[in-house]
Amino acid sequence: METILIHPTYFTSIVQMIAFVQAKNVIFEADDNYQKQSYRNRTYIAHSNGKLLLNIPIKHTQKGLRKKTNEVHVENSFPWQIQHWKSLESAYRTSPYFEYYEDELRPLFFKPVRSLFDFNLEGFDLICGLLEISKSYDFTEEYYKNPSQLDLRSLVSPKLDLAIKLDPYFQVLNTENDFIANLSILDLLFNEGPNTVSYLESQKIDFSQINPIQK
């Protein structure tokens, strides 16, 4: 793939991380209107009961007013960060690589967060650092209805039926549950560690067949 257009999301999905790793150039959408129930402020991990949602609460605007995603502020009136960290500990404490990465990840969940956009980018940069991925990225300066780049902004929707087959990898909870595909990149990181990049590079997905986001 040459250049792709994607959203910065909360500990991005594995499919989107595959697209990032396999693309030559990456542009992050920075001028879209915020929409609820998307990977902008949520991610999914594996848990003892199957799939668990981690959702970042957002400060509501006045009814009828729309905000750009890069203007959205996080609601910190209750300790969502600590709750998310405890969920990650509960889910992955016994995984092969949780202890290897936890010291770098933990500070994100114990520092003040204001901007959702900035927090997502900070988490993304941290994952790239842990995986020694040195690829840079750019940002849009306006909203493109018909971008020249490969438009993968629809990957932001958890409701999208991608019909994408991912190769199974070791999951610490596989003894109790079937393999769960396309979770947060954290699931792959904690279970596969240094093998994560090789896994991402090896997946054969025809991203050109993914329908662009509808606006």
Protein backbone atom coordinates (compact mmCIF):
# COMPACT_ATOMS: atom_id res chain seq x y z
CA MET A 1 0.00 0.00 0.00
CA GLU A 2 1.15 3.51 -0.69
CA THR A 3 -0.59 6.13 1.50
CA ILE A 4 -3.51 5.36 3.81
CA LEU A 5 -5.91 7.63 5.69
CA ILE A 6 -6.95 6.40 9.14
CA HIS A 7 -8.20 7.68 12.50
CA PRO A 8 -6.08 7.84 15.64
CA THR A 9 -7.94 5.52 18.02
CA TYR A 10 -7.73 4.29 21.61
CA PHE A 11 -5.10 1.53 21.63
CA THR A 12 -5.94 0.80 18.03
CA SER A 13 -7.47 -2.39 16.70
CA ILE A 14 -5.16 -5.06 15.30
CA VAL A 15 -6.56 -4.69 11.77
CA GLN A 16 -5.82 -0.97 11.77
CA MET A 17 -2.33 -1.60 13.14
CA ILE A 18 -1.75 -4.07 10.30
CA ALA A 19 -2.68 -1.33 7.83
CA PHE A 20 -0.33 1.11 9.56
CA VAL A 21 2.62 -1.28 9.49
CA GLN A 22 2.10 -2.36 5.89
CA ALA A 23 1.50 1.10 4.41
CA LYS A 24 4.36 3.18 3.04
CA ASN A 25 2.83 6.44 4.25
CA VAL A 26 0.16 7.21 6.86
CA ILE A 27 -2.08 10.23 7.34
CA PHE A 28 -4.24 10.57 10.44
CA GLU A 29 -7.68 12.13 10.12
CA ALA A 30 -7.67 15.29 12.26
CA ASP A 31 -10.66 17.19 10.88
CA ASP A 32 -13.64 14.85 11.21
CA ASN A 33 -16.70 15.42 13.38
CA TYR A 34 -16.68 13.30 16.52
CA GLN A 35 -19.06 10.33 16.48
CA LYS A 36 -20.10 8.15 19.39
CA GLN A 37 -19.61 4.40 19.69
CA SER A 38 -16.42 4.18 17.69
CA TYR A 39 -12.82 3.21 18.29
CA ARG A 40 -12.08 6.91 18.77
CA ASN A 41 -12.79 6.42 22.48
CA ARG A 42 -13.10 2.66 22.94
CA THR A 43 -11.16 -0.55 22.57
CA TYR A 44 -11.81 -4.22 23.22
CA ILE A 45 -9.68 -6.70 25.13
CA ALA A 46 -10.02 -10.39 25.92
CA HIS A 47 -11.29 -11.21 29.41
CA SER A 48 -12.40 -14.25 31.37
CA ASN A 49 -15.96 -13.73 30.11
CA GLY A 50 -14.87 -13.20 26.51
CA LYS A 51 -14.70 -9.71 25.00
CA LEU A 52 -14.53 -6.67 27.30
CA LEU A 53 -15.16 -3.06 26.27
CA LEU A 54 -12.93 -0.29 27.63
CA ASN A 55 -14.65 3.03 27.01
CA ILE A 56 -13.25 6.54 27.58
CA PRO A 57 -16.03 8.87 28.82
CA ILE A 58 -16.41 12.08 26.84
CA LYS A 59 -17.59 15.49 28.00
CA HIS A 60 -20.93 16.24 26.42
CA THR A 61 -21.53 19.35 24.36
CA GLN A 62 -24.70 21.40 24.20
CA LYS A 63 -27.43 19.53 22.39
CA GLY A 64 -27.15 19.81 18.64
CA LEU A 65 -23.60 21.12 18.60
CA ARG A 66 -20.96 19.05 16.82
CA LYS A 67 -17.30 19.01 17.68
CA LYS A 68 -14.29 17.87 15.76
CA THR A 69 -12.59 14.86 17.26
CA ASN A 70 -9.46 16.91 17.93
CA GLU A 71 -11.58 19.28 20.07
CA VAL A 72 -13.17 16.60 22.25
CA HIS A 73 -12.31 16.57 25.96
CA VAL A 74 -12.30 13.54 28.22
CA GLU A 75 -14.67 13.36 31.21
CA ASN A 76 -12.60 12.74 34.33
CA SER A 77 -15.28 13.00 37.00
CA PHE A 78 -14.78 9.31 37.80
CA PRO A 79 -11.61 7.19 37.67
CA TRP A 80 -11.95 5.54 34.26
CA GLN A 81 -8.18 5.31 33.83
CA ILE A 82 -7.67 3.28 36.98
CA GLN A 83 -10.60 1.06 36.03
CA HIS A 84 -9.10 0.42 32.60
CA TRP A 85 -5.70 -0.37 34.07
CA LYS A 86 -7.20 -2.79 36.59
CA SER A 87 -9.07 -4.50 33.75
CA LEU A 88 -5.84 -4.86 31.79
CA GLU A 89 -4.06 -6.28 34.84
CA SER A 90 -6.88 -8.74 35.47
CA ALA A 91 -6.96 -9.86 31.84
CA TYR A 92 -3.25 -10.05 31.09
CA ARG A 93 -1.31 -10.44 34.32
CA THR A 94 -0.62 -14.09 33.45
CA SER A 95 0.14 -13.41 29.78
CA PRO A 96 3.74 -13.93 28.63
CA TYR A 97 4.66 -10.26 28.14
CA PHE A 98 2.47 -8.12 30.41
CA GLU A 99 5.21 -7.68 32.99
CA TYR A 100 7.67 -6.86 30.22
CA TYR A 101 5.67 -3.82 29.07
CA GLU A 102 3.65 -2.71 32.10
CA ASP A 103 6.17 -0.19 33.44
CA GLU A 104 6.04 1.78 30.18
CA LEU A 105 2.25 1.58 29.83
CA ARG A 106 1.14 2.22 33.41
CA PRO A 107 1.94 5.98 33.47
CA LEU A 108 -0.66 6.62 30.75
CA PHE A 109 -3.35 5.51 33.19
CA PHE A 110 -2.16 7.64 36.09
CA LYS A 111 -1.69 11.05 34.50
CA PRO A 112 -4.25 13.80 33.76
CA VAL A 113 -5.98 13.49 30.40
CA ARG A 114 -7.78 16.36 28.69
CA SER A 115 -7.73 15.86 24.93
CA LEU A 116 -8.94 12.52 23.54
CA PHE A 117 -7.05 13.11 20.29
CA ASP A 118 -3.75 13.79 22.06
CA PHE A 119 -4.21 10.85 24.43
CA ASN A 120 -4.83 8.47 21.51
CA LEU A 121 -1.70 9.70 19.75
CA GLU A 122 0.35 9.35 22.91
CA GLY A 123 -0.79 5.76 23.30
CA PHE A 124 -0.12 5.05 19.63
CA ASP A 125 3.38 6.52 19.80
CA LEU A 126 4.11 4.49 22.90
CA ILE A 127 3.06 1.24 21.19
CA CYS A 128 5.24 2.10 18.19
CA GLY A 129 8.14 2.76 20.55
CA LEU A 130 7.69 -0.54 22.36
CA LEU A 131 7.63 -2.36 19.02
CA GLU A 132 10.52 -0.32 17.62
CA ILE A 133 8.40 0.91 14.71
CA SER A 134 10.00 4.12 13.46
CA LYS A 135 7.47 5.06 10.77
CA SER A 136 6.32 8.69 10.84
CA TYR A 137 2.86 10.02 9.99
CA ASP A 138 1.13 13.25 8.97
CA PHE A 139 -2.27 14.82 9.67
CA THR A 140 -5.06 16.11 7.47
CA GLU A 141 -5.54 19.88 7.33
CA GLU A 142 -9.13 19.68 6.12
CA TYR A 143 -11.81 17.02 5.82
CA TYR A 144 -11.56 15.10 2.54
CA LYS A 145 -14.81 13.66 1.21
CA ASN A 146 -12.97 11.98 -1.64
CA PRO A 147 -9.36 11.61 -0.56
CA SER A 148 -6.58 10.64 -2.95
CA GLN A 149 -5.18 8.31 -0.28
CA LEU A 150 -6.56 4.83 0.38
CA ASP A 151 -9.49 5.70 2.64
CA LEU A 152 -9.49 3.37 5.66
CA ARG A 153 -11.35 5.70 8.00
CA SER A 154 -14.20 3.19 8.18
CA LEU A 155 -11.95 1.01 10.35
CA VAL A 156 -12.92 3.36 13.19
CA SER A 157 -16.31 1.65 13.43
CA PRO A 158 -16.62 -1.46 15.63
CA LYS A 159 -19.94 -2.17 13.87
CA LEU A 160 -18.29 -2.56 10.50
CA ASP A 161 -18.39 -6.14 9.27
CA LEU A 162 -14.92 -6.37 7.78
CA ALA A 163 -15.11 -10.05 6.87
CA ILE A 164 -11.37 -10.11 7.43
CA LYS A 165 -9.72 -13.33 8.51
CA LEU A 166 -6.79 -12.96 10.89
CA ASP A 167 -4.39 -15.77 11.69
CA PRO A 168 -4.92 -17.02 15.25
CA TYR A 169 -2.17 -16.28 17.73
CA PHE A 170 -1.65 -17.39 21.30
CA GLN A 171 -4.14 -15.79 23.73
CA VAL A 172 -3.70 -16.44 27.43
CA LEU A 173 -7.44 -17.06 27.86
CA ASN A 174 -7.70 -19.51 24.96
CA THR A 175 -8.06 -22.42 27.36
CA GLU A 176 -11.54 -21.14 28.23
CA ASN A 177 -12.58 -19.26 25.09
CA ASP A 178 -12.25 -19.50 21.32
CA PHE A 179 -9.81 -17.18 19.59
CA ILE A 180 -11.09 -13.59 19.50
CA ALA A 181 -9.92 -11.63 16.46
CA ASN A 182 -9.26 -7.91 16.01
CA LEU A 183 -9.00 -6.88 19.63
CA SER A 184 -6.86 -4.00 20.84
CA ILE A 185 -3.22 -4.06 19.79
CA LEU A 186 -2.55 -4.54 23.52
CA ASP A 187 -3.91 -8.09 23.32
CA LEU A 188 -1.39 -8.99 20.63
CA LEU A 189 1.41 -7.16 22.44
CA PHE A 190 0.87 -8.86 25.80
CA ASN A 191 0.52 -12.32 24.25
CA GLU A 192 3.14 -12.21 21.50
CA GLY A 193 5.59 -9.54 22.63
CA PRO A 194 8.51 -9.12 20.18
CA ASN A 195 6.70 -11.34 17.65
CA THR A 196 3.98 -8.70 17.28
CA VAL A 197 5.57 -6.88 14.34
CA SER A 198 6.20 -10.12 12.44
CA TYR A 199 2.55 -11.05 12.94
CA LEU A 200 1.35 -7.65 11.67
CA GLU A 201 3.60 -7.83 8.62
CA SER A 202 2.53 -11.37 7.75
CA GLN A 203 -1.23 -10.79 7.56
CA LYS A 204 -2.55 -10.76 3.99
CA ILE A 205 -5.46 -8.34 3.80
CA ASP A 206 -6.79 -6.62 0.68
CA PHE A 207 -7.51 -3.23 2.22
CA SER A 208 -8.62 -1.87 -1.15
CA GLN A 209 -11.84 -3.85 -0.70
CA ILE A 210 -12.84 -2.03 2.49
CA ASN A 211 -15.63 0.43 1.84
CA PRO A 212 -14.84 4.09 2.58
CA ILE A 213 -16.57 5.77 5.49
CA GLN A 214 -19.95 7.29 4.66
CA LYS A 215 -20.49 10.96 5.55
